[in-house]
């Protein structure tokens, strides 16, 4: 049954988009490397058993070996083959035995910054000899940017190597030593709800976002893009304060010779009173925190970093030169880049991910005390289990989108996931730009694999399958989009669901799975990889995760 657009809407390439299926061409006959290796071992064992036992006893043992081998090689569960699951299971048990599935933060040696009420006390007009201030930027004798001492985030695993610097413009620059990646994170807001736009306006915004992604793919050194929407709980005090602020700023009109504000009780006393009562009765309110994290590769920018004075200073300057194009691209898509996160607001994103209950307290902070000091933003404790992760005040489960809509998807089809309910959850897309040349080469490789598999199928007398033919259509569709000038990315979709207790987590996961079914996508838990998946999905670190499947879109 085909899905058609509503009668009031006009069919378009964006509104009728269909995602390609996961590549199944593999190394041979749709099998991956692990499956091919296991198939070779199975055949060797079967032949050896037949030769050693002879006829007819060898037939029984050979048949059993082939049946067991086929049962291990051919089936897939949650988007993975059995050999892949075996590897994940043993790696999880190995890490568990080494104590890597449990984290406790050490308090010794940590430094907590003391926030001053008077910022002027923390700065000094005296510069070291030979240093200058150029356009408000502190530079040394050689003209390099001078940065302060970095903060450590104290995160579990390899993320503990991430250091946070404050740039001359005041935003946070995170350097991941393990991946040699420089990270900056922006707070995003939408100028108008997408679902409330007219069809033409939806088309314009979607096309502009497509152009923005294409432009991002052409930014030199940009290795990863993370787009996240985090639903979290906010104190109702902030909502009341915002309402009062809007009343104060409301325009004034003259009525019977008196000035009357066109807001609040002076417009409608009953509605004003009702709204205030509702805000008072609600202790919390769910909001959506949207951010975009960009990861720049130090290897790809090595020449420019060298030219700018080497080290972190050169890296920061190279990235600052690219910020203008990012701002312009996002604004055309109806997305406002509100600001680049400073170290304390960056720390707040980290804290709210590991400690959902703290978001209410954090939201009530203001002034220099707003956000969270990066040195204490990380979790106090983390326990990694096979199917979930437990941190300071929450239980979390990370899913990856193992199957995107097979039918034609409408614009904004992820809306059901984003608005799945008033519980903590984060929807994340991780995009890795691919150059057009590499993407076309990948297409040729997939075509060759598909053709080899098809010829083998014909020689073996196997019937043609619609799934096999649909995969070739997907390959040609991706090639056509590349030729038309669209950007190419490897995309991973991740969904994080949180709850205060294990039971609440299970209830929230059930709501999320129901929302996924309405969006016509398939969610698969990241079994055995919950810690690395959580780092990629819920933290603004622009990380990918190896799930055994890459999607070339």
Protein backbone atom coordinates (compact mmCIF):
# COMPACT_ATOMS: atom_id res chain seq x y z
CA UNK A 1 0.00 0.00 0.00
CA UNK A 2 1.52 3.28 -1.04
CA UNK A 3 1.41 6.40 1.10
CA UNK A 4 0.20 9.55 -0.61
CA UNK A 5 0.42 13.16 0.47
CA UNK A 6 -2.61 14.88 1.94
CA UNK A 7 -4.93 16.40 -0.66
CA UNK A 8 -4.04 19.89 0.49
CA UNK A 9 -0.35 19.33 -0.19
CA UNK A 10 1.51 19.17 -3.43
CA UNK A 11 3.74 16.19 -4.09
CA UNK A 12 7.42 17.06 -3.98
CA UNK A 13 10.82 15.42 -3.90
CA UNK A 14 11.16 16.25 -0.19
CA UNK A 15 7.66 15.20 0.80
CA UNK A 16 7.97 11.87 -1.03
CA UNK A 17 11.51 11.07 0.10
CA UNK A 18 12.39 7.40 0.48
CA UNK A 19 15.41 6.27 2.43
CA UNK A 20 17.63 3.60 0.99
CA UNK A 21 17.80 0.26 2.74
CA UNK A 22 20.88 -0.84 4.58
CA UNK A 23 23.54 -2.06 2.13
CA UNK A 24 23.38 -5.85 1.87
CA UNK A 25 25.86 -6.44 -0.93
CA UNK A 26 28.67 -7.15 1.53
CA UNK A 27 31.84 -8.94 0.55
CA UNK A 28 30.18 -11.93 -1.12
CA UNK A 29 26.49 -12.70 -1.65
CA UNK A 30 25.51 -10.02 0.83
CA UNK A 31 27.70 -11.45 3.60
CA UNK A 32 30.11 -9.35 5.65
CA UNK A 33 33.72 -10.21 6.45
CA UNK A 34 32.90 -12.07 9.68
CA UNK A 35 30.19 -14.09 7.94
CA UNK A 36 32.51 -14.99 5.03
CA UNK A 37 35.26 -16.07 7.42
CA UNK A 38 32.81 -18.20 9.40
CA UNK A 39 31.48 -19.69 6.13
CA UNK A 40 35.03 -20.69 5.07
CA UNK A 41 35.69 -22.28 8.49
CA UNK A 42 32.35 -24.13 8.29
CA UNK A 43 33.17 -25.51 4.84
CA UNK A 44 36.65 -26.63 5.96
CA UNK A 45 35.20 -28.39 9.00
CA UNK A 46 32.50 -30.02 6.87
CA UNK A 47 35.01 -31.29 4.29
CA UNK A 48 37.40 -32.45 7.01
CA UNK A 49 34.61 -34.31 8.80
CA UNK A 50 33.49 -36.04 5.61
CA UNK A 51 37.03 -37.10 4.70
CA UNK A 52 37.89 -38.37 8.18
CA UNK A 53 34.63 -40.29 8.74
CA UNK A 54 34.05 -41.46 5.21
CA UNK A 55 30.80 -42.56 3.65
CA UNK A 56 28.08 -42.86 4.94
CA UNK A 57 28.88 -41.78 8.55
CA UNK A 58 30.52 -38.58 7.34
CA UNK A 59 27.30 -37.40 5.71
CA UNK A 60 25.53 -37.05 9.07
CA UNK A 61 28.33 -35.07 10.75
CA UNK A 62 28.84 -32.93 7.63
CA UNK A 63 25.12 -32.12 7.43
CA UNK A 64 25.05 -31.13 11.12
CA UNK A 65 28.08 -28.85 10.67
CA UNK A 66 26.51 -27.18 7.63
CA UNK A 67 23.16 -26.66 9.42
CA UNK A 68 24.84 -25.17 12.50
CA UNK A 69 27.06 -22.98 10.29
CA UNK A 70 24.08 -21.71 8.28
CA UNK A 71 22.26 -20.93 11.54
CA UNK A 72 25.19 -18.79 12.66
CA UNK A 73 25.97 -17.13 9.32
CA UNK A 74 22.67 -16.21 7.67
CA UNK A 75 20.29 -14.77 10.34
CA UNK A 76 20.44 -11.16 11.52
CA UNK A 77 19.05 -9.79 14.78
CA UNK A 78 18.49 -6.08 15.43
CA UNK A 79 20.34 -5.25 12.22
CA UNK A 80 23.43 -7.40 13.00
CA UNK A 81 24.67 -10.81 12.05
CA UNK A 82 25.27 -13.53 14.66
CA UNK A 83 29.10 -13.37 14.31
CA UNK A 84 28.91 -9.63 14.95
CA UNK A 85 26.80 -10.19 18.07
CA UNK A 86 29.26 -12.79 19.31
CA UNK A 87 32.08 -10.26 19.00
CA UNK A 88 30.05 -7.58 20.82
CA UNK A 89 29.14 -9.99 23.63
CA UNK A 90 32.70 -11.17 24.29
CA UNK A 91 34.03 -7.61 24.11
CA UNK A 92 31.42 -6.50 26.65
CA UNK A 93 32.30 -9.36 29.01
CA UNK A 94 36.01 -8.63 28.59
CA UNK A 95 35.54 -4.95 29.45
CA UNK A 96 33.34 -5.93 32.39
CA UNK A 97 36.09 -8.20 33.72
CA UNK A 98 38.63 -5.38 33.45
CA UNK A 99 36.38 -3.02 35.40
CA UNK A 100 35.79 -0.71 32.44
CA UNK A 101 31.99 -0.95 32.83
CA UNK A 102 32.08 0.88 36.16
CA UNK A 103 33.19 4.49 36.71
CA UNK A 104 33.73 6.45 39.92
CA UNK A 105 35.03 10.00 39.76
CA UNK A 106 38.03 10.83 41.89
CA UNK A 107 37.65 14.08 43.79
CA UNK A 108 41.35 14.55 44.59
CA UNK A 109 43.13 17.22 42.56
CA UNK A 110 40.01 18.71 40.98
CA UNK A 111 39.76 22.48 40.88
CA UNK A 112 36.45 24.27 41.04
CA UNK A 113 36.36 27.82 39.72
CA UNK A 114 35.04 30.52 42.03
CA UNK A 115 32.67 32.82 40.22
CA UNK A 116 33.18 36.47 41.01
CA UNK A 117 30.29 38.93 41.11
CA UNK A 118 32.57 41.57 39.64
CA UNK A 119 34.11 40.43 36.34
CA UNK A 120 36.51 43.39 36.42
CA UNK A 121 38.31 41.83 39.36
CA UNK A 122 39.32 38.85 37.23
CA UNK A 123 40.90 40.80 34.41
CA UNK A 124 43.99 42.92 34.28
CA UNK A 125 45.05 45.57 31.83
CA UNK A 126 48.71 44.60 32.20
CA UNK A 127 49.92 42.32 29.39
CA UNK A 128 53.18 40.40 29.31
CA UNK A 129 56.00 42.12 27.47
CA UNK A 130 55.58 41.86 23.71
CA UNK A 131 51.93 40.80 23.94
CA UNK A 132 49.22 42.90 22.29
CA UNK A 133 45.45 43.16 22.04
CA UNK A 134 44.33 43.07 18.40
CA UNK A 135 40.57 43.56 17.87
CA UNK A 136 39.98 42.40 21.42
CA UNK A 137 42.10 39.26 20.95
CA UNK A 138 45.12 38.65 23.19
CA UNK A 139 48.13 37.69 21.03
CA UNK A 140 51.73 36.89 21.92
CA UNK A 141 54.95 38.15 20.33
CA UNK A 142 54.49 35.88 17.31
CA UNK A 143 50.89 36.94 16.77
CA UNK A 144 49.39 33.70 18.10
CA UNK A 145 46.16 33.67 20.10
CA UNK A 146 46.78 33.33 23.83
CA UNK A 147 44.37 30.96 25.55
CA UNK A 148 43.88 30.34 29.25
CA UNK A 149 44.44 27.08 31.05
CA UNK A 150 42.01 24.35 29.92
CA UNK A 151 39.34 22.65 32.04
CA UNK A 152 38.85 18.90 32.16
CA UNK A 153 35.38 17.44 31.93
CA UNK A 154 36.16 14.27 33.95
CA UNK A 155 34.11 11.92 31.79
CA UNK A 156 34.18 8.11 31.72
CA UNK A 157 36.44 6.22 29.31
CA UNK A 158 38.40 7.87 26.52
CA UNK A 159 36.23 11.00 26.81
CA UNK A 160 38.25 11.85 29.91
CA UNK A 161 40.91 13.20 27.54
CA UNK A 162 38.65 16.04 26.36
CA UNK A 163 39.95 19.47 27.39
CA UNK A 164 37.87 22.64 27.30
CA UNK A 165 39.29 26.04 26.35
CA UNK A 166 37.71 29.50 26.25
CA UNK A 167 38.21 31.24 22.90
CA UNK A 168 38.71 35.03 22.53
CA UNK A 169 35.05 35.26 21.44
CA UNK A 170 33.99 33.63 24.69
CA UNK A 171 32.72 30.30 23.36
CA UNK A 172 33.97 26.87 24.40
CA UNK A 173 36.49 24.97 22.30
CA UNK A 174 36.81 21.31 23.26
CA UNK A 175 39.85 19.37 22.13
CA UNK A 176 39.60 15.59 22.05
CA UNK A 177 43.16 14.26 22.28
CA UNK A 178 42.17 10.68 21.49
CA UNK A 179 40.54 11.57 18.16
CA UNK A 180 42.56 14.76 17.49
CA UNK A 181 39.28 16.58 16.98
CA UNK A 182 38.36 20.17 17.80
CA UNK A 183 34.72 20.67 18.88
CA UNK A 184 32.45 23.71 19.05
CA UNK A 185 28.77 23.59 19.99
CA UNK A 186 25.97 26.00 19.10
CA UNK A 187 22.56 26.52 20.68
CA UNK A 188 19.86 26.40 18.01
CA UNK A 189 16.32 27.70 17.99
CA UNK A 190 13.69 27.62 15.27
CA UNK A 191 12.06 30.84 14.15
CA UNK A 192 8.70 29.10 13.76
CA UNK A 193 7.37 25.58 14.46
CA UNK A 194 7.85 23.49 11.33
CA UNK A 195 4.44 21.79 11.61
CA UNK A 196 2.70 25.20 11.65
CA UNK A 197 4.27 26.34 8.38
CA UNK A 198 2.44 26.31 5.06
CA UNK A 199 3.43 23.62 2.57
CA UNK A 200 5.37 26.08 0.43
CA UNK A 201 7.22 27.37 3.47
CA UNK A 202 8.04 23.81 4.56
CA UNK A 203 9.46 23.18 1.11
CA UNK A 204 11.56 26.35 1.27
CA UNK A 205 12.96 25.53 4.71
CA UNK A 206 13.70 21.92 3.81
CA UNK A 207 15.44 22.99 0.62
CA UNK A 208 17.46 25.59 2.53
CA UNK A 209 18.48 22.98 5.10
CA UNK A 210 19.53 20.68 2.26
CA UNK A 211 21.66 23.50 0.87
CA UNK A 212 23.11 24.14 4.34
CA UNK A 213 24.19 20.51 4.72
CA UNK A 214 25.72 20.59 1.24
CA UNK A 215 27.64 23.73 2.24
CA UNK A 216 28.79 22.04 5.46
CA UNK A 217 30.11 19.12 3.46
CA UNK A 218 32.37 21.54 1.57
CA UNK A 219 33.91 23.14 4.68
CA UNK A 220 37.52 22.04 4.79
CA UNK A 221 38.42 20.04 7.87
CA UNK A 222 34.83 19.45 9.06
CA UNK A 223 34.80 15.77 10.01
CA UNK A 224 31.55 15.30 11.98
CA UNK A 225 28.24 17.11 12.46
CA UNK A 226 25.95 16.34 15.38
CA UNK A 227 22.36 17.64 15.45
CA UNK A 228 20.51 16.97 18.70
CA UNK A 229 17.14 17.79 20.23
CA UNK A 230 17.06 17.15 23.99
CA UNK A 231 13.75 17.15 25.85
CA UNK A 232 14.36 18.09 29.47
CA UNK A 233 12.47 19.47 32.44
CA UNK A 234 12.70 23.20 33.22
CA UNK A 235 11.64 25.04 36.36
CA UNK A 236 8.28 26.79 35.97
CA UNK A 237 9.88 29.80 37.64
CA UNK A 238 11.64 30.57 34.36
CA UNK A 239 8.33 30.54 32.51
CA UNK A 240 6.73 32.95 34.98
CA UNK A 241 9.71 35.30 34.80
CA UNK A 242 9.58 35.25 30.99
CA UNK A 243 5.85 36.05 31.09
CA UNK A 244 6.46 39.04 33.37
CA UNK A 245 9.29 40.19 31.12
CA UNK A 246 7.02 40.09 28.05
CA UNK A 247 4.37 42.13 29.89
CA UNK A 248 6.93 44.77 30.81
CA UNK A 249 8.11 45.04 27.20
CA UNK A 250 4.59 45.08 25.74
CA UNK A 251 3.52 48.16 23.71
CA UNK A 252 1.37 50.83 25.36
CA UNK A 253 -1.90 52.30 24.07
CA UNK A 254 -3.97 55.28 25.26
CA UNK A 255 -7.42 54.39 26.57
CA UNK A 256 -9.68 57.01 28.21
CA UNK A 257 -6.63 59.23 28.63
CA UNK A 258 -4.59 56.58 30.44
CA UNK A 259 -1.70 54.41 29.27
CA UNK A 260 -2.64 50.75 29.05
CA UNK A 261 -0.19 47.91 28.35
CA UNK A 262 -1.36 45.59 25.58
CA UNK A 263 -0.55 42.45 27.56
CA UNK A 264 -1.51 40.49 30.68
CA UNK A 265 -4.44 41.43 32.86
CA UNK A 266 -5.07 44.71 31.02
CA UNK A 267 -6.12 42.73 27.94
CA UNK A 268 -7.99 39.85 29.59
CA UNK A 269 -7.92 39.55 33.42
CA UNK A 270 -9.50 36.08 33.35
CA UNK A 271 -6.95 34.56 30.93
CA UNK A 272 -4.09 36.28 32.77
CA UNK A 273 -5.23 34.84 36.10
CA UNK A 274 -5.75 31.37 34.62
CA UNK A 275 -2.30 31.34 33.05
CA UNK A 276 -0.65 32.44 36.30
CA UNK A 277 -2.51 29.75 38.27
CA UNK A 278 -1.43 27.13 35.75
CA UNK A 279 2.21 28.24 35.91
CA UNK A 280 2.10 28.24 39.73
CA UNK A 281 0.63 24.73 39.94
CA UNK A 282 3.17 23.24 37.54
CA UNK A 283 6.50 22.62 39.26
CA UNK A 284 8.23 21.80 36.00
CA UNK A 285 7.72 22.21 32.27
CA UNK A 286 9.33 20.24 29.47
CA UNK A 287 11.38 22.20 26.94
CA UNK A 288 13.49 21.31 23.93
CA UNK A 289 17.18 22.13 23.98
CA UNK A 290 18.59 21.98 20.47
CA UNK A 291 22.27 22.03 19.72
CA UNK A 292 24.68 21.47 16.86
CA UNK A 293 28.20 20.19 17.52
CA UNK A 294 30.84 20.48 14.82
CA UNK A 295 33.99 18.37 14.92
CA UNK A 296 37.04 19.57 12.98
CA UNK A 297 39.93 17.23 12.19
CA UNK A 298 43.38 18.42 13.28
CA UNK A 299 44.96 16.15 10.65
CA UNK A 300 43.04 17.68 7.76
CA UNK A 301 43.78 21.22 8.98
CA UNK A 302 47.42 20.53 9.89
CA UNK A 303 48.82 22.91 7.26
CA UNK A 304 46.56 25.77 8.31
CA UNK A 305 47.22 25.13 12.00
CA UNK A 306 50.93 25.27 11.27
CA UNK A 307 50.48 28.58 9.48
CA UNK A 308 48.50 30.04 12.39
CA UNK A 309 51.21 29.28 14.93
CA UNK A 310 50.79 25.56 15.71
CA UNK A 311 49.12 23.96 18.72
CA UNK A 312 45.69 24.62 20.16
CA UNK A 313 45.97 28.35 19.42
CA UNK A 314 46.47 27.67 15.72
CA UNK A 315 43.60 25.18 15.77
CA UNK A 316 41.22 27.70 17.38
CA UNK A 317 42.12 30.40 14.87
CA UNK A 318 41.53 28.01 11.95
CA UNK A 319 38.04 27.22 13.25
CA UNK A 320 37.14 30.84 14.03
CA UNK A 321 37.71 31.67 10.36
CA UNK A 322 34.93 29.23 9.41
CA UNK A 323 32.15 30.42 11.73
CA UNK A 324 30.68 33.02 9.36
CA UNK A 325 29.69 30.47 6.70
CA UNK A 326 28.04 28.28 9.35
CA UNK A 327 25.84 31.11 10.64
CA UNK A 328 24.69 32.14 7.16
CA UNK A 329 23.83 28.58 6.08
CA UNK A 330 21.63 27.78 9.09
CA UNK A 331 19.63 31.03 9.06
CA UNK A 332 18.30 30.37 5.55
CA UNK A 333 16.81 27.08 6.80
CA UNK A 334 14.67 28.82 9.42
CA UNK A 335 17.11 27.80 12.18
CA UNK A 336 18.57 30.56 14.31
CA UNK A 337 22.04 29.97 15.67
CA UNK A 338 21.37 31.70 18.98
CA UNK A 339 24.92 31.55 20.31
CA UNK A 340 27.97 29.34 20.60
CA UNK A 341 28.03 27.63 23.98
CA UNK A 342 30.49 29.03 26.48
CA UNK A 343 32.26 26.66 28.91
CA UNK A 344 29.56 26.89 31.60
CA UNK A 345 26.62 26.36 29.24
CA UNK A 346 28.59 23.52 27.61
CA UNK A 347 29.05 22.04 31.08
CA UNK A 348 25.29 22.31 31.65
CA UNK A 349 24.65 20.09 28.61
CA UNK A 350 27.01 17.48 30.03
CA UNK A 351 25.47 17.61 33.50
CA UNK A 352 21.86 17.44 32.27
CA UNK A 353 22.67 14.31 30.25
CA UNK A 354 24.13 12.36 33.18
CA UNK A 355 21.98 13.92 35.91
CA UNK A 356 18.47 14.70 34.54
CA UNK A 357 17.19 15.82 37.96
CA UNK A 358 19.75 18.63 38.09
CA UNK A 359 18.25 20.41 35.06
CA UNK A 360 15.59 22.11 37.21
CA UNK A 361 18.19 23.51 39.59
CA UNK A 362 20.47 24.56 36.72
CA UNK A 363 17.62 26.36 34.93
CA UNK A 364 17.09 28.61 37.98
CA UNK A 365 20.67 29.91 37.92
CA UNK A 366 21.39 33.29 36.40
CA UNK A 367 24.18 35.75 35.75
CA UNK A 368 27.75 34.55 36.19
CA UNK A 369 26.44 31.50 38.07
CA UNK A 370 24.36 30.22 35.13
CA UNK A 371 25.32 26.84 33.71
CA UNK A 372 27.82 24.43 35.28
CA UNK A 373 31.55 24.73 35.89
CA UNK A 374 33.18 22.31 33.38
CA UNK A 375 35.49 20.75 35.99
CA UNK A 376 32.50 19.35 37.89
CA UNK A 377 30.12 18.81 34.96
CA UNK A 378 30.86 15.10 34.59
CA UNK A 379 29.10 12.28 36.46
CA UNK A 380 30.00 11.04 39.94
CA UNK A 381 29.30 7.42 39.01
CA UNK A 382 28.33 5.38 35.96
CA UNK A 383 27.40 1.69 35.71
CA UNK A 384 27.20 0.14 32.24
CA UNK A 385 24.86 -2.81 31.73
CA UNK A 386 24.12 -4.89 28.65
CA UNK A 387 20.92 -3.03 27.72
CA UNK A 388 21.04 0.22 29.71
CA UNK A 389 23.31 2.64 31.56
CA UNK A 390 22.90 4.03 35.07
CA UNK A 391 24.34 7.42 36.07
CA UNK A 392 23.93 9.92 38.89
CA UNK A 393 20.15 10.37 38.94
CA UNK A 394 18.95 8.43 35.95
CA UNK A 395 18.72 5.23 33.97
CA UNK A 396 19.34 5.55 30.24
CA UNK A 397 18.91 3.37 27.17
CA UNK A 398 20.29 4.26 23.77
CA UNK A 399 18.72 3.03 20.53
CA UNK A 400 20.08 3.36 17.04
CA UNK A 401 17.80 3.76 14.05
CA UNK A 402 18.45 0.47 12.29
CA UNK A 403 15.81 1.02 9.61
CA UNK A 404 14.56 4.32 8.23
CA UNK A 405 11.11 4.60 6.58
CA UNK A 406 10.82 2.12 3.73
CA UNK A 407 7.75 3.87 2.41
CA UNK A 408 7.76 7.45 1.21
CA UNK A 409 8.34 9.75 4.18
CA UNK A 410 6.70 13.13 4.60
CA UNK A 411 8.61 16.23 5.64
CA UNK A 412 9.06 16.35 9.40
CA UNK A 413 8.44 12.61 9.87
CA UNK A 414 10.70 12.58 13.00
CA UNK A 415 8.23 14.86 14.76
CA UNK A 416 6.67 11.90 16.58
CA UNK A 417 10.06 11.03 18.10
CA UNK A 418 10.94 14.58 19.11
CA UNK A 419 7.53 15.05 20.79
CA UNK A 420 7.19 11.50 22.12
CA UNK A 421 6.22 12.73 25.60
CA UNK A 422 7.14 14.79 28.64
CA UNK A 423 10.07 12.64 29.71
CA UNK A 424 13.82 13.13 29.22
CA UNK A 425 14.94 11.95 25.79
CA UNK A 426 17.37 13.06 23.11
CA UNK A 427 17.13 12.59 19.34
CA UNK A 428 20.51 12.80 17.61
CA UNK A 429 21.76 12.60 14.06
CA UNK A 430 25.49 12.21 13.47
CA UNK A 431 26.63 13.11 9.95
CA UNK A 432 30.08 12.44 8.54
CA UNK A 433 30.70 14.41 5.32
CA UNK A 434 32.05 12.44 2.37
CA UNK A 435 33.66 14.06 -0.65
CA UNK A 436 31.87 13.61 -3.96
CA UNK A 437 34.79 11.64 -5.37
CA UNK A 438 34.80 9.15 -2.50
CA UNK A 439 31.01 8.88 -2.57
CA UNK A 440 30.96 8.09 -6.31
CA UNK A 441 33.74 5.54 -5.83
CA UNK A 442 31.69 3.91 -3.07
CA UNK A 443 28.71 3.80 -5.42
CA UNK A 444 30.80 2.04 -8.09
CA UNK A 445 31.98 -0.50 -5.51
CA UNK A 446 28.42 -1.20 -4.39
CA UNK A 447 27.34 -1.59 -8.02
CA UNK A 448 30.13 -4.08 -8.63
CA UNK A 449 29.23 -6.05 -5.49
CA UNK A 450 25.56 -6.06 -6.49
CA UNK A 451 26.38 -7.22 -10.02
CA UNK A 452 28.64 -10.02 -8.72
CA UNK A 453 25.92 -11.19 -6.35
CA UNK A 454 23.32 -11.03 -9.13
CA UNK A 455 25.42 -13.08 -11.58
CA UNK A 456 26.10 -15.71 -8.92
CA UNK A 457 22.38 -15.87 -8.17
CA UNK A 458 21.55 -16.42 -11.84
CA UNK A 459 24.17 -19.18 -12.24
CA UNK A 460 22.97 -20.95 -9.11
CA UNK A 461 19.38 -20.85 -10.36
CA UNK A 462 18.05 -18.82 -7.44
CA UNK A 463 14.91 -16.78 -8.06
CA UNK A 464 15.16 -13.01 -8.23
CA UNK A 465 13.95 -11.11 -5.16
CA UNK A 466 12.28 -7.74 -5.06
CA UNK A 467 14.53 -6.78 -2.13
CA UNK A 468 17.63 -7.42 -4.25
CA UNK A 469 16.25 -5.28 -7.10
CA UNK A 470 15.21 -2.50 -4.68
CA UNK A 471 18.78 -2.27 -3.41
CA UNK A 472 20.03 -1.50 -6.93
CA UNK A 473 17.35 1.19 -7.23
CA UNK A 474 18.63 2.69 -3.97
CA UNK A 475 22.19 2.70 -5.31
CA UNK A 476 21.11 4.46 -8.49
CA UNK A 477 19.03 6.94 -6.47
CA UNK A 478 22.03 7.94 -4.34
CA UNK A 479 24.17 8.32 -7.47
CA UNK A 480 21.53 10.52 -9.08
CA UNK A 481 21.41 12.79 -6.02
CA UNK A 482 25.21 13.13 -6.07
CA UNK A 483 25.17 14.07 -9.74
CA UNK A 484 22.46 16.67 -8.99
CA UNK A 485 24.81 18.38 -6.56
CA UNK A 486 23.52 17.18 -3.18
CA UNK A 487 25.99 16.61 -0.35
CA UNK A 488 26.96 13.11 0.69
CA UNK A 489 27.07 11.97 4.31
CA UNK A 490 27.31 8.81 6.34
CA UNK A 491 24.40 9.19 8.75
CA UNK A 492 23.62 7.52 12.05
CA UNK A 493 20.41 8.14 13.99
CA UNK A 494 20.51 7.70 17.78
CA UNK A 495 17.76 7.97 20.40
CA UNK A 496 18.42 8.25 24.14
CA UNK A 497 15.61 7.62 26.63
CA UNK A 498 16.00 8.35 30.36
CA UNK A 499 14.05 7.70 33.54
CA UNK A 500 14.47 8.25 37.28
CA UNK A 501 14.05 4.52 37.99
CA UNK A 502 14.44 1.32 36.01
CA UNK A 503 10.65 0.96 35.87
CA UNK A 504 10.20 4.52 34.65
CA UNK A 505 12.86 3.92 32.01
CA UNK A 506 10.95 0.90 30.68
CA UNK A 507 7.70 2.89 30.55
CA UNK A 508 9.38 5.76 28.71
CA UNK A 509 11.02 3.32 26.28
CA UNK A 510 7.60 1.87 25.51
CA UNK A 511 6.35 5.39 24.65
CA UNK A 512 9.37 5.95 22.44
CA UNK A 513 8.90 2.65 20.58
CA UNK A 514 5.28 3.60 19.96
CA UNK A 515 6.40 6.97 18.56
CA UNK A 516 8.94 5.17 16.36
CA UNK A 517 6.23 2.95 14.89
CA UNK A 518 4.24 6.07 13.99
CA UNK A 519 7.33 7.49 12.28
CA UNK A 520 7.79 4.15 10.46
CA UNK A 521 11.33 3.65 11.70
CA UNK A 522 12.91 0.73 13.51
CA UNK A 523 14.75 1.24 16.79
CA UNK A 524 17.35 -1.28 17.93
CA UNK A 525 18.97 -1.09 21.39
CA UNK A 526 22.74 -0.64 21.29
CA UNK A 527 23.28 -3.82 23.30
CA UNK A 528 26.73 -4.15 24.81
CA UNK A 529 27.69 -0.63 23.70
CA UNK A 530 25.48 1.55 25.88
CA UNK A 531 28.36 3.68 27.19
CA UNK A 532 29.87 4.54 23.81
CA UNK A 533 26.39 4.99 22.32
CA UNK A 534 25.40 7.33 25.17
CA UNK A 535 28.53 9.41 24.60
CA UNK A 536 27.64 9.75 20.91
CA UNK A 537 23.91 10.32 21.40
CA UNK A 538 23.48 12.42 24.56
CA UNK A 539 26.73 14.42 24.88
CA UNK A 540 27.72 17.35 22.59
CA UNK A 541 30.98 15.69 21.53
CA UNK A 542 30.28 15.04 17.82
CA UNK A 543 31.12 11.35 18.04
CA UNK A 544 30.24 8.46 15.82
CA UNK A 545 29.77 4.88 16.96
CA UNK A 546 30.72 1.66 15.22
CA UNK A 547 27.50 -0.32 14.97
CA UNK A 548 28.62 -2.49 12.10
CA UNK A 549 26.41 -0.60 9.65
CA UNK A 550 27.04 2.68 7.81
CA UNK A 551 24.38 4.42 5.79
CA UNK A 552 25.70 6.25 2.67
CA UNK A 553 23.23 9.15 2.27
